[in-house]
Structure formats: C-alpha cells, structure tokens
C-alpha cells in the first residue's frame, strides 16, 4: 500500500495503491486527510474517486516535461496529474515495482523525430509557395484564371497568387518562418518517454 497527497490546485489530490487497485481521489480540500486516513485503513471513498485494477493496466507512460503520468487500460487511458517532478518520478518508479512482469523502456527521440510534424508542415507550405509563385507569375504576365465549382485548395492558391509575387512571398515566408522556429524548438528538446508495458 502506498499513498501520495498532492497539495496544489489542478493536481490529483490523492493517488494511492491499495489491494491491487490504483486510486485517484479528488476530495474537497478539508476532506483530503480524512480520505487519506480511510485509505490507510483499507476504506475507499464513495465520491470523487476513480480506481483501476492492476490487472486491467496495459501500459504506464511518463513523458519528461509533462505534468502527468498516463495509465492505459482496456482501450482507455487516465492521467495522474502530479506537478512535482520528483514525486512524478517516484510514482512512475513505484509502478515498476507493482508491475514486475511488465517490461520497462525509455525512448530518446532524435531531433528529426521530435520535429517530424513541423517538417511535414514546412514541406506542404513549400509546395504551396512554389505553386502560388507559378500562378502569381502567370497572373502578372496577363493570364486570367476562372475557377468554377468547388475548387477548394486550388481556388485558395490562385486567390493568394492573385495578390502578387511580393505578397505571396510575404504570406508563405511568414508561415515558413513560424514552422521553422517551431521545428527548431522541438528539435532542441527532443522528447524522452518512459514506458512500462505488458
């Protein structure tokens, strides 16, 4: 049996392991000590409580920098929110001891893996830039386009291209700058993910 009490607003007030169950309780502030004492006596609260049997758990995941631990069970997931990093690590390590048959791994993402989505976005924006510049050059040379029906993305590209080459460069240049900065930030701090899996 193990009980953790978390005092800060937004945290799960009580996280406990009792009788092969993980409890997450969020009683009123005045009732926290009473509920914790009841859990110590083997009595689970009737209200503001969520419990997961240990044998339901498929995976426990903690990503460094996130303020919660994810517990995956039977096609669902629950977050255990703990702001204190040392306590979060302690609780995660405790899961290792109560789930001894599970395997434990740590994934260190590369810079490319961390920024994969922003790289894809940069690629899409770059393609749109090239297409828009082509249409913009055609419009500036006197070619007129008429779009009929539901053209969707093509209509948007031609619409932006009709603003002129300078504005096209400004619009897409800004988008590329934003995605580039986002990639740099994500690549600078690749994710470290700890997993305990069945």
N, C-alpha and C. Protein backbone atom coordinates (compact mmCIF):
# COMPACT_ATOMS: atom_id res chain seq x y z
N UNK A 1 0.84 -1.19 0.00
CA UNK A 1 0.00 0.00 0.00
C UNK A 1 0.89 1.25 0.00
N UNK A 2 0.45 2.25 -0.75
CA UNK A 2 1.21 3.50 -0.83
C UNK A 2 0.23 4.62 -1.14
N UNK A 3 0.41 5.76 -0.48
CA UNK A 3 -0.47 6.92 -0.70
C UNK A 3 0.37 8.16 -0.91
N UNK A 4 -0.01 8.93 -1.92
CA UNK A 4 0.63 10.23 -2.17
C UNK A 4 -0.44 11.31 -2.08
N UNK A 5 -0.14 12.39 -1.37
CA UNK A 5 -1.05 13.53 -1.26
C UNK A 5 -0.41 14.70 -2.00
N UNK A 6 -1.17 15.30 -2.89
CA UNK A 6 -0.67 16.42 -3.70
C UNK A 6 -1.45 17.68 -3.35
N UNK A 7 -0.78 18.72 -2.89
CA UNK A 7 -1.47 19.89 -2.34
C UNK A 7 -1.91 20.97 -3.33
N UNK A 8 -1.35 20.96 -4.53
CA UNK A 8 -1.59 22.09 -5.43
C UNK A 8 -2.88 21.97 -6.23
N UNK A 9 -3.48 23.12 -6.49
CA UNK A 9 -4.71 23.16 -7.29
C UNK A 9 -4.42 22.64 -8.69
N UNK A 10 -5.28 21.77 -9.18
CA UNK A 10 -5.10 21.19 -10.50
C UNK A 10 -4.47 19.81 -10.47
N UNK A 11 -3.81 19.47 -9.36
CA UNK A 11 -3.24 18.14 -9.21
C UNK A 11 -4.33 17.17 -8.76
N UNK A 12 -4.09 15.87 -8.97
CA UNK A 12 -4.96 14.87 -8.35
C UNK A 12 -4.57 14.82 -6.88
N UNK A 13 -5.53 15.12 -6.01
CA UNK A 13 -5.24 15.32 -4.58
C UNK A 13 -4.62 14.08 -3.93
N UNK A 14 -5.18 12.91 -4.24
CA UNK A 14 -4.66 11.68 -3.64
C UNK A 14 -4.48 10.64 -4.75
N UNK A 15 -3.29 10.04 -4.77
CA UNK A 15 -3.04 8.88 -5.63
C UNK A 15 -2.60 7.78 -4.69
N UNK A 16 -3.22 6.61 -4.83
CA UNK A 16 -2.92 5.53 -3.88
C UNK A 16 -2.93 4.17 -4.55
N UNK A 17 -2.15 3.27 -3.95
CA UNK A 17 -2.17 1.86 -4.34
C UNK A 17 -2.64 1.09 -3.12
N UNK A 18 -3.73 0.38 -3.29
CA UNK A 18 -4.33 -0.36 -2.17
C UNK A 18 -5.03 -1.59 -2.72
N UNK A 19 -4.69 -2.77 -2.19
CA UNK A 19 -5.36 -4.02 -2.57
C UNK A 19 -5.43 -4.24 -4.08
N UNK A 20 -4.30 -4.14 -4.74
CA UNK A 20 -4.23 -4.35 -6.20
C UNK A 20 -5.10 -3.39 -7.00
N UNK A 21 -5.31 -2.21 -6.47
CA UNK A 21 -6.06 -1.15 -7.16
C UNK A 21 -5.26 0.14 -7.10
N UNK A 22 -5.34 0.91 -8.18
CA UNK A 22 -4.79 2.27 -8.17
C UNK A 22 -5.97 3.21 -8.02
N UNK A 23 -5.89 4.09 -7.03
CA UNK A 23 -6.97 5.05 -6.77
C UNK A 23 -6.49 6.45 -7.11
N UNK A 24 -7.40 7.22 -7.67
CA UNK A 24 -7.17 8.64 -7.90
C UNK A 24 -8.36 9.34 -7.27
N UNK A 25 -8.11 10.13 -6.23
CA UNK A 25 -9.20 10.76 -5.48
C UNK A 25 -9.02 12.27 -5.49
N UNK A 26 -10.12 12.97 -5.65
CA UNK A 26 -10.09 14.43 -5.61
C UNK A 26 -11.18 14.95 -4.67
N UNK A 27 -11.00 14.68 -3.37
CA UNK A 27 -11.98 15.18 -2.40
C UNK A 27 -11.81 16.69 -2.19
N UNK A 28 -12.76 17.28 -1.47
CA UNK A 28 -12.62 18.69 -1.10
C UNK A 28 -11.39 18.84 -0.21
N UNK A 29 -10.80 20.03 -0.25
CA UNK A 29 -9.56 20.27 0.49
C UNK A 29 -9.66 19.88 1.96
N UNK A 30 -10.81 20.16 2.58
CA UNK A 30 -10.99 19.86 4.01
C UNK A 30 -11.10 18.36 4.28
N UNK A 31 -11.35 17.57 3.23
CA UNK A 31 -11.56 16.13 3.42
C UNK A 31 -10.36 15.28 3.01
N UNK A 32 -9.31 15.91 2.50
CA UNK A 32 -8.16 15.16 1.98
C UNK A 32 -7.56 14.25 3.03
N UNK A 33 -7.27 14.78 4.23
CA UNK A 33 -6.64 13.97 5.28
C UNK A 33 -7.55 12.84 5.74
N UNK A 34 -8.85 13.10 5.80
CA UNK A 34 -9.81 12.06 6.21
C UNK A 34 -9.84 10.93 5.19
N UNK A 35 -9.88 11.30 3.91
CA UNK A 35 -9.90 10.29 2.84
C UNK A 35 -8.59 9.50 2.85
N UNK A 36 -7.46 10.18 3.01
CA UNK A 36 -6.16 9.51 3.05
C UNK A 36 -6.10 8.54 4.23
N UNK A 37 -6.61 8.97 5.38
CA UNK A 37 -6.64 8.10 6.57
C UNK A 37 -7.52 6.88 6.30
N UNK A 38 -8.68 7.10 5.66
CA UNK A 38 -9.58 6.00 5.32
C UNK A 38 -8.90 4.99 4.41
N UNK A 39 -8.14 5.49 3.41
CA UNK A 39 -7.41 4.59 2.52
C UNK A 39 -6.37 3.78 3.28
N UNK A 40 -5.71 4.43 4.24
CA UNK A 40 -4.74 3.71 5.08
C UNK A 40 -5.40 2.58 5.85
N UNK A 41 -6.68 2.77 6.19
CA UNK A 41 -7.43 1.75 6.92
C UNK A 41 -8.08 0.73 5.97
N UNK A 42 -7.86 0.93 4.66
CA UNK A 42 -8.42 0.00 3.68
C UNK A 42 -9.82 0.34 3.22
N UNK A 43 -10.25 1.59 3.48
CA UNK A 43 -11.60 2.02 3.09
C UNK A 43 -11.49 3.04 1.95
N UNK A 44 -12.04 2.67 0.80
CA UNK A 44 -12.02 3.58 -0.35
C UNK A 44 -13.19 4.55 -0.26
N UNK A 45 -13.00 5.79 -0.68
CA UNK A 45 -14.10 6.76 -0.63
C UNK A 45 -15.19 6.44 -1.66
N UNK A 46 -16.39 6.91 -1.38
CA UNK A 46 -17.52 6.65 -2.28
C UNK A 46 -17.62 7.71 -3.37
N UNK A 47 -17.10 8.92 -3.13
CA UNK A 47 -17.25 10.02 -4.08
C UNK A 47 -15.89 10.55 -4.53
N UNK A 48 -15.90 11.23 -5.69
CA UNK A 48 -14.70 11.88 -6.24
C UNK A 48 -13.51 10.93 -6.32
N UNK A 49 -13.78 9.70 -6.75
CA UNK A 49 -12.75 8.68 -6.76
C UNK A 49 -12.82 7.89 -8.07
N UNK A 50 -11.64 7.58 -8.60
CA UNK A 50 -11.53 6.74 -9.79
C UNK A 50 -10.55 5.63 -9.45
N UNK A 51 -10.88 4.40 -9.81
CA UNK A 51 -9.96 3.31 -9.50
C UNK A 51 -9.74 2.41 -10.71
N UNK A 52 -8.53 1.86 -10.79
CA UNK A 52 -8.15 0.96 -11.87
C UNK A 52 -7.54 -0.30 -11.24
N UNK A 53 -8.11 -1.46 -11.50
CA UNK A 53 -7.47 -2.70 -11.03
C UNK A 53 -6.14 -2.90 -11.76
N UNK A 54 -5.13 -3.36 -11.04
CA UNK A 54 -3.80 -3.53 -11.64
C UNK A 54 -3.84 -4.45 -12.86
N UNK A 55 -4.67 -5.50 -12.81
CA UNK A 55 -4.69 -6.45 -13.94
C UNK A 55 -5.35 -5.87 -15.19
N UNK A 56 -6.00 -4.69 -15.08
CA UNK A 56 -6.55 -4.02 -16.26
C UNK A 56 -5.47 -3.24 -17.02
N UNK A 57 -4.40 -2.88 -16.33
CA UNK A 57 -3.38 -1.98 -16.90
C UNK A 57 -2.58 -2.67 -18.01
N UNK A 58 -2.45 -1.97 -19.15
CA UNK A 58 -1.64 -2.45 -20.28
C UNK A 58 -0.32 -1.71 -20.37
N UNK A 59 -0.34 -0.43 -19.99
CA UNK A 59 0.86 0.40 -20.13
C UNK A 59 0.79 1.60 -19.20
N UNK A 60 1.95 1.98 -18.69
CA UNK A 60 2.09 3.21 -17.92
C UNK A 60 3.16 4.02 -18.64
N UNK A 61 2.85 5.30 -18.92
CA UNK A 61 3.76 6.13 -19.71
C UNK A 61 3.98 7.47 -19.03
N UNK A 62 5.24 7.89 -19.00
CA UNK A 62 5.58 9.21 -18.47
C UNK A 62 6.54 9.88 -19.44
N UNK A 63 6.11 11.00 -19.96
CA UNK A 63 6.96 11.79 -20.85
C UNK A 63 7.56 12.93 -20.04
N UNK A 64 8.88 12.99 -20.00
CA UNK A 64 9.55 14.03 -19.22
C UNK A 64 9.09 15.40 -19.70
N UNK A 65 8.81 16.28 -18.75
CA UNK A 65 8.32 17.62 -19.07
C UNK A 65 6.80 17.73 -18.98
N UNK A 66 6.10 16.60 -19.06
CA UNK A 66 4.63 16.62 -18.90
C UNK A 66 4.31 16.48 -17.42
N UNK A 67 3.22 17.07 -17.00
CA UNK A 67 2.89 17.10 -15.57
C UNK A 67 1.94 15.97 -15.17
N UNK A 68 1.97 14.89 -15.93
CA UNK A 68 1.09 13.77 -15.61
C UNK A 68 1.74 12.46 -16.05
N UNK A 69 1.20 11.39 -15.50
CA UNK A 69 1.56 10.03 -15.90
C UNK A 69 0.31 9.45 -16.56
N UNK A 70 0.48 8.81 -17.71
CA UNK A 70 -0.65 8.20 -18.40
C UNK A 70 -0.72 6.72 -18.03
N UNK A 71 -1.93 6.28 -17.69
CA UNK A 71 -2.17 4.87 -17.41
C UNK A 71 -3.16 4.37 -18.45
N UNK A 72 -2.72 3.40 -19.27
CA UNK A 72 -3.57 2.84 -20.32
C UNK A 72 -4.14 1.52 -19.84
N UNK A 73 -5.44 1.36 -20.02
CA UNK A 73 -6.09 0.13 -19.56
C UNK A 73 -7.33 -0.14 -20.41
N UNK A 74 -7.47 -1.36 -20.85
CA UNK A 74 -8.64 -1.83 -21.58
C UNK A 74 -9.20 -0.84 -22.60
N UNK A 75 -8.36 -0.34 -23.48
CA UNK A 75 -8.81 0.57 -24.54
C UNK A 75 -9.08 1.99 -24.08
N UNK A 76 -8.71 2.32 -22.86
CA UNK A 76 -8.93 3.67 -22.35
C UNK A 76 -7.63 4.18 -21.72
N UNK A 77 -7.67 5.42 -21.24
CA UNK A 77 -6.49 5.96 -20.55
C UNK A 77 -6.93 6.95 -19.48
N UNK A 78 -6.10 7.07 -18.48
CA UNK A 78 -6.35 8.00 -17.37
C UNK A 78 -5.05 8.73 -17.08
N UNK A 79 -5.16 10.03 -16.77
CA UNK A 79 -3.99 10.83 -16.40
C UNK A 79 -3.93 10.96 -14.88
N UNK A 80 -2.75 10.76 -14.35
CA UNK A 80 -2.49 11.04 -12.94
C UNK A 80 -1.66 12.32 -12.92
N UNK A 81 -2.28 13.42 -12.52
CA UNK A 81 -1.63 14.73 -12.59
C UNK A 81 -0.87 15.02 -11.31
N UNK A 82 0.45 15.18 -11.45
CA UNK A 82 1.34 15.47 -10.33
C UNK A 82 2.31 16.55 -10.80
N UNK A 83 2.32 17.71 -10.19
CA UNK A 83 3.18 18.80 -10.64
C UNK A 83 4.64 18.64 -10.22
N UNK A 84 4.88 18.03 -9.08
CA UNK A 84 6.23 17.87 -8.57
C UNK A 84 6.95 16.77 -9.35
N UNK A 85 8.04 17.14 -10.05
CA UNK A 85 8.72 16.18 -10.91
C UNK A 85 9.31 15.01 -10.14
N UNK A 86 9.88 15.27 -8.96
CA UNK A 86 10.47 14.20 -8.16
C UNK A 86 9.39 13.19 -7.73
N UNK A 87 8.23 13.71 -7.36
CA UNK A 87 7.12 12.83 -6.95
C UNK A 87 6.59 12.04 -8.15
N UNK A 88 6.52 12.71 -9.32
CA UNK A 88 6.07 12.03 -10.54
C UNK A 88 7.00 10.86 -10.85
N UNK A 89 8.30 11.11 -10.75
CA UNK A 89 9.28 10.04 -11.00
C UNK A 89 9.13 8.92 -9.96
N UNK A 90 8.91 9.30 -8.70
CA UNK A 90 8.74 8.32 -7.63
C UNK A 90 7.52 7.42 -7.90
N UNK A 91 6.41 8.04 -8.32
CA UNK A 91 5.19 7.27 -8.59
C UNK A 91 5.41 6.36 -9.80
N UNK A 92 6.06 6.87 -10.83
CA UNK A 92 6.33 6.05 -12.01
C UNK A 92 7.21 4.85 -11.62
N UNK A 93 8.26 5.10 -10.85
CA UNK A 93 9.14 4.02 -10.40
C UNK A 93 8.39 3.02 -9.53
N UNK A 94 7.42 3.51 -8.76
CA UNK A 94 6.61 2.62 -7.93
C UNK A 94 5.80 1.66 -8.81
N UNK A 95 5.29 2.17 -9.94
CA UNK A 95 4.56 1.31 -10.87
C UNK A 95 5.45 0.14 -11.33
N UNK A 96 6.74 0.43 -11.51
CA UNK A 96 7.66 -0.65 -11.92
C UNK A 96 7.68 -1.77 -10.88
N UNK A 97 7.63 -1.40 -9.60
CA UNK A 97 7.70 -2.41 -8.55
C UNK A 97 6.40 -3.20 -8.41
N UNK A 98 5.25 -2.56 -8.68
CA UNK A 98 3.98 -3.28 -8.52
C UNK A 98 3.54 -3.98 -9.81
N UNK A 99 4.28 -3.76 -10.89
CA UNK A 99 4.01 -4.45 -12.15
C UNK A 99 5.30 -5.15 -12.60
N UNK A 100 5.79 -6.12 -11.80
CA UNK A 100 7.11 -6.71 -12.08
C UNK A 100 7.19 -7.50 -13.38
N UNK A 101 6.07 -7.99 -13.89
CA UNK A 101 6.11 -8.78 -15.12
C UNK A 101 6.14 -7.89 -16.37
N UNK A 102 5.95 -6.58 -16.19
CA UNK A 102 5.97 -5.65 -17.32
C UNK A 102 7.41 -5.32 -17.70
N UNK A 103 7.62 -4.95 -18.97
CA UNK A 103 8.96 -4.52 -19.39
C UNK A 103 9.03 -3.00 -19.36
N UNK A 104 10.21 -2.50 -19.07
CA UNK A 104 10.42 -1.06 -18.92
C UNK A 104 11.38 -0.58 -20.00
N UNK A 105 10.97 0.49 -20.72
CA UNK A 105 11.83 1.05 -21.77
C UNK A 105 11.82 2.57 -21.69
N UNK A 106 12.89 3.16 -22.19
CA UNK A 106 12.97 4.62 -22.30
C UNK A 106 13.30 4.96 -23.74
N UNK A 107 12.50 5.83 -24.33
CA UNK A 107 12.68 6.24 -25.72
C UNK A 107 13.25 7.66 -25.74
N UNK A 108 14.41 7.82 -26.36
CA UNK A 108 15.02 9.14 -26.54
C UNK A 108 14.83 9.51 -28.01
N UNK A 109 13.95 10.45 -28.28
CA UNK A 109 13.71 10.85 -29.67
C UNK A 109 14.90 11.60 -30.24
N UNK A 110 15.10 11.45 -31.55
CA UNK A 110 16.11 12.26 -32.24
C UNK A 110 15.47 13.62 -32.54
N UNK A 111 16.30 14.57 -32.95
CA UNK A 111 15.80 15.91 -33.29
C UNK A 111 14.79 15.83 -34.43
N UNK A 112 15.06 14.96 -35.42
CA UNK A 112 14.16 14.82 -36.57
C UNK A 112 12.82 14.23 -36.12
N UNK A 113 12.87 13.20 -35.27
CA UNK A 113 11.63 12.59 -34.77
C UNK A 113 10.80 13.61 -33.98
N UNK A 114 11.48 14.42 -33.19
CA UNK A 114 10.77 15.41 -32.37
C UNK A 114 10.07 16.46 -33.23
N UNK A 115 10.70 16.82 -34.34
CA UNK A 115 10.12 17.86 -35.19
C UNK A 115 9.47 17.35 -36.46
N UNK A 116 9.14 16.06 -36.51
CA UNK A 116 8.61 15.44 -37.73
C UNK A 116 7.37 16.15 -38.27
N UNK A 117 6.41 16.45 -37.41
CA UNK A 117 5.17 17.09 -37.87
C UNK A 117 5.43 18.48 -38.44
N UNK A 118 6.33 19.23 -37.82
CA UNK A 118 6.63 20.56 -38.34
C UNK A 118 7.41 20.48 -39.64
N UNK A 119 8.25 19.45 -39.80
CA UNK A 119 8.95 19.25 -41.07
C UNK A 119 7.96 18.97 -42.20
N UNK A 120 6.96 18.15 -41.89
CA UNK A 120 5.92 17.86 -42.89
C UNK A 120 5.17 19.15 -43.25
N UNK A 121 4.84 19.95 -42.22
CA UNK A 121 4.15 21.22 -42.46
C UNK A 121 5.01 22.14 -43.32
N UNK A 122 6.32 22.18 -43.05
CA UNK A 122 7.22 23.01 -43.86
C UNK A 122 7.24 22.54 -45.31
N UNK A 123 7.22 21.22 -45.51
CA UNK A 123 7.19 20.68 -46.87
C UNK A 123 5.92 21.08 -47.61
N UNK A 124 4.78 20.99 -46.92
CA UNK A 124 3.49 21.36 -47.54
C UNK A 124 3.48 22.85 -47.88
N UNK A 125 3.93 23.68 -46.94
CA UNK A 125 3.97 25.14 -47.18
C UNK A 125 4.91 25.46 -48.34
N UNK A 126 6.03 24.75 -48.42
CA UNK A 126 6.99 24.99 -49.51
C UNK A 126 6.38 24.66 -50.87
N UNK A 127 5.65 23.54 -50.94
CA UNK A 127 4.98 23.16 -52.19
C UNK A 127 3.95 24.22 -52.57
N UNK A 128 3.15 24.65 -51.58
CA UNK A 128 2.15 25.69 -51.84
C UNK A 128 2.80 26.99 -52.30
N UNK A 129 3.95 27.31 -51.72
CA UNK A 129 4.69 28.51 -52.12
C UNK A 129 5.09 28.44 -53.60
N UNK A 130 5.66 27.31 -53.99
CA UNK A 130 6.11 27.15 -55.38
C UNK A 130 4.93 27.25 -56.34
N UNK A 131 3.82 26.55 -56.00
CA UNK A 131 2.63 26.58 -56.86
C UNK A 131 2.06 28.00 -56.93
N UNK A 132 1.99 28.66 -55.78
CA UNK A 132 1.46 30.03 -55.74
C UNK A 132 2.33 30.99 -56.53
N UNK A 133 3.65 30.83 -56.43
CA UNK A 133 4.56 31.69 -57.20
C UNK A 133 4.38 31.47 -58.71
N UNK A 134 4.17 30.21 -59.10
CA UNK A 134 3.92 29.92 -60.51
C UNK A 134 2.66 30.65 -60.99
N UNK A 135 1.55 30.47 -60.24
CA UNK A 135 0.30 31.12 -60.63
C UNK A 135 0.43 32.65 -60.57
N UNK A 136 1.16 33.14 -59.57
CA UNK A 136 1.35 34.58 -59.43
C UNK A 136 2.09 35.14 -60.65
N UNK A 137 3.13 34.43 -61.08
CA UNK A 137 3.89 34.86 -62.27
C UNK A 137 3.01 34.85 -63.51
N UNK A 138 2.15 33.83 -63.61
CA UNK A 138 1.24 33.75 -64.75
C UNK A 138 0.24 34.90 -64.74
N UNK A 139 -0.32 35.20 -63.55
CA UNK A 139 -1.29 36.30 -63.43
C UNK A 139 -0.63 37.63 -63.79
N UNK A 140 0.61 37.83 -63.29
CA UNK A 140 1.32 39.08 -63.56
C UNK A 140 1.69 39.22 -65.05
N UNK A 141 1.77 38.09 -65.76
CA UNK A 141 2.08 38.16 -67.20
C UNK A 141 0.82 38.30 -68.05
N UNK A 142 -0.35 38.40 -67.38
CA UNK A 142 -1.58 38.67 -68.11
C UNK A 142 -2.54 37.50 -68.24
N UNK A 143 -2.18 36.32 -67.76
CA UNK A 143 -3.08 35.15 -67.84
C UNK A 143 -4.19 35.33 -66.81
N UNK A 144 -5.42 35.05 -67.22
CA UNK A 144 -6.56 35.13 -66.31
C UNK A 144 -7.09 33.73 -66.03
N UNK A 145 -7.45 33.50 -64.77
CA UNK A 145 -7.98 32.19 -64.38
C UNK A 145 -9.42 32.35 -63.92
N UNK A 146 -10.24 31.39 -64.32
CA UNK A 146 -11.63 31.36 -63.86
C UNK A 146 -11.85 29.99 -63.23
N UNK A 147 -12.21 30.00 -61.97
CA UNK A 147 -12.40 28.74 -61.26
C UNK A 147 -13.89 28.50 -61.08
N UNK A 148 -14.33 27.33 -61.53
CA UNK A 148 -15.74 27.00 -61.44
C UNK A 148 -15.95 25.84 -60.48
N UNK A 149 -17.13 25.81 -59.91
CA UNK A 149 -17.46 24.71 -59.00
C UNK A 149 -16.69 24.79 -57.69
N UNK A 150 -16.51 23.63 -57.09
CA UNK A 150 -15.83 23.57 -55.79
C UNK A 150 -14.37 23.24 -56.02
N UNK A 151 -13.56 24.23 -56.13
CA UNK A 151 -12.14 24.02 -56.39
C UNK A 151 -11.33 23.88 -55.11
N UNK A 152 -11.84 24.35 -53.98
CA UNK A 152 -11.19 24.20 -52.69
C UNK A 152 -9.81 24.80 -52.60
N UNK A 153 -8.81 23.92 -52.42
CA UNK A 153 -7.43 24.37 -52.21
C UNK A 153 -6.89 25.13 -53.42
N UNK A 154 -7.21 24.65 -54.60
CA UNK A 154 -6.73 25.32 -55.81
C UNK A 154 -7.25 26.76 -55.88
N UNK A 155 -8.51 26.96 -55.52
CA UNK A 155 -9.08 28.32 -55.52
C UNK A 155 -8.35 29.20 -54.52
N UNK A 156 -8.02 28.63 -53.37
CA UNK A 156 -7.29 29.40 -52.35
C UNK A 156 -5.90 29.77 -52.84
N UNK A 157 -5.22 28.82 -53.49
CA UNK A 157 -3.87 29.07 -54.00
C UNK A 157 -3.89 30.16 -55.07
N UNK A 158 -4.86 30.05 -56.02
CA UNK A 158 -4.97 31.06 -57.08
C UNK A 158 -5.36 32.41 -56.49
N UNK A 159 -6.24 32.38 -55.47
CA UNK A 159 -6.63 33.62 -54.80
C UNK A 159 -5.46 34.33 -54.16
N UNK A 160 -4.61 33.55 -53.49
CA UNK A 160 -3.41 34.14 -52.88
C UNK A 160 -2.44 34.60 -53.98
N UNK A 161 -2.30 33.78 -55.03
CA UNK A 161 -1.39 34.13 -56.13
C UNK A 161 -1.80 35.43 -56.80
N UNK A 162 -3.11 35.71 -56.85
CA UNK A 162 -3.60 36.94 -57.49
C UNK A 162 -3.21 38.19 -56.71
N UNK A 163 -2.73 38.04 -55.48
CA UNK A 163 -2.30 39.19 -54.68
C UNK A 163 -0.95 39.74 -55.16
N UNK A 164 -0.22 38.93 -55.92
CA UNK A 164 1.07 39.37 -56.41
C UNK A 164 2.22 38.62 -55.76
N UNK A 165 3.34 38.59 -56.46
CA UNK A 165 4.51 37.83 -56.01
C UNK A 165 5.02 38.27 -54.64
N UNK A 166 5.09 39.57 -54.40
CA UNK A 166 5.61 40.07 -53.12
C UNK A 166 4.75 39.61 -51.95
N UNK A 167 3.42 39.70 -52.11
CA UNK A 167 2.52 39.28 -51.03
C UNK A 167 2.55 37.76 -50.84
N UNK A 168 2.69 37.04 -51.95
CA UNK A 168 2.81 35.57 -51.85
C UNK A 168 4.06 35.22 -51.03
N UNK A 169 5.18 35.88 -51.35
CA UNK A 169 6.42 35.63 -50.61
C UNK A 169 6.28 36.01 -49.14
N UNK A 170 5.58 37.11 -48.89
CA UNK A 170 5.37 37.56 -47.51
C UNK A 170 4.52 36.56 -46.73
N UNK A 171 3.40 36.12 -47.32
CA UNK A 171 2.49 35.19 -46.64
C UNK A 171 3.18 33.86 -46.36
N UNK A 172 3.71 33.24 -47.41
CA UNK A 172 4.32 31.92 -47.24
C UNK A 172 5.65 32.00 -46.50
N UNK A 173 6.36 33.12 -46.68
CA UNK A 173 7.61 33.31 -45.93
C UNK A 173 7.35 33.36 -44.43
N UNK A 174 6.25 34.03 -44.05
CA UNK A 174 5.87 34.10 -42.63
C UNK A 174 5.52 32.71 -42.09
N UNK A 175 4.75 31.95 -42.90
CA UNK A 175 4.38 30.59 -42.47
C UNK A 175 5.62 29.69 -42.34
N UNK A 176 6.54 29.82 -43.29
CA UNK A 176 7.78 29.03 -43.21
C UNK A 176 8.62 29.43 -41.99
N UNK A 177 8.65 30.73 -41.69
CA UNK A 177 9.40 31.19 -40.51
C UNK A 177 8.80 30.62 -39.23
N UNK A 178 7.46 30.63 -39.14
CA UNK A 178 6.78 30.10 -37.95
C UNK A 178 7.06 28.61 -37.78
N UNK A 179 6.90 27.84 -38.89
CA UNK A 179 7.15 26.40 -38.80
C UNK A 179 8.63 26.11 -38.55
N UNK A 180 9.51 26.94 -39.11
CA UNK A 180 10.95 26.77 -38.87
C UNK A 180 11.32 26.98 -37.42
N UNK A 181 10.76 28.02 -36.81
CA UNK A 181 11.01 28.28 -35.38
C UNK A 181 10.45 27.15 -34.54
N UNK A 182 9.24 26.69 -34.90
CA UNK A 182 8.62 25.58 -34.17
C UNK A 182 9.49 24.32 -34.26
N UNK A 183 10.01 24.04 -35.46
CA UNK A 183 10.88 22.87 -35.62
C UNK A 183 12.14 23.02 -34.77
N UNK A 184 12.74 24.20 -34.79
CA UNK A 184 13.97 24.43 -34.02
C UNK A 184 13.74 24.20 -32.53
N UNK A 185 12.60 24.67 -32.02
CA UNK A 185 12.28 24.48 -30.60
C UNK A 185 12.10 23.00 -30.27
N UNK A 186 11.34 22.30 -31.11
CA UNK A 186 11.08 20.88 -30.84
C UNK A 186 12.34 20.06 -31.00
N UNK A 187 13.15 20.38 -32.00
CA UNK A 187 14.38 19.62 -32.24
C UNK A 187 15.40 19.87 -31.13
N UNK A 188 15.34 21.05 -30.53
CA UNK A 188 16.27 21.40 -29.45
C UNK A 188 15.98 20.59 -28.18
N UNK A 189 14.69 20.25 -27.99
CA UNK A 189 14.30 19.50 -26.80
C UNK A 189 13.53 18.24 -27.20
N UNK A 190 14.24 17.23 -27.73
CA UNK A 190 13.55 16.00 -28.11
C UNK A 190 12.92 15.34 -26.89
N UNK A 191 11.81 14.66 -27.13
CA UNK A 191 11.08 14.04 -26.03
C UNK A 191 11.81 12.81 -25.48
N UNK A 192 11.68 12.62 -24.17
CA UNK A 192 12.16 11.42 -23.50
C UNK A 192 10.93 10.78 -22.89
N UNK A 193 10.61 9.57 -23.35
CA UNK A 193 9.39 8.90 -22.92
C UNK A 193 9.75 7.59 -22.22
N UNK A 194 9.25 7.46 -21.00
CA UNK A 194 9.44 6.23 -20.21
C UNK A 194 8.17 5.41 -20.29
N UNK A 195 8.32 4.10 -20.56
CA UNK A 195 7.15 3.24 -20.69
C UNK A 195 7.32 1.97 -19.86
N UNK A 196 6.23 1.56 -19.26
CA UNK A 196 6.15 0.24 -18.61
C UNK A 196 5.03 -0.47 -19.36
N UNK A 197 5.37 -1.54 -20.07
CA UNK A 197 4.38 -2.21 -20.91
C UNK A 197 4.25 -3.69 -20.59
N UNK A 198 3.05 -4.20 -20.84
CA UNK A 198 2.74 -5.60 -20.57
C UNK A 198 3.47 -6.49 -21.55
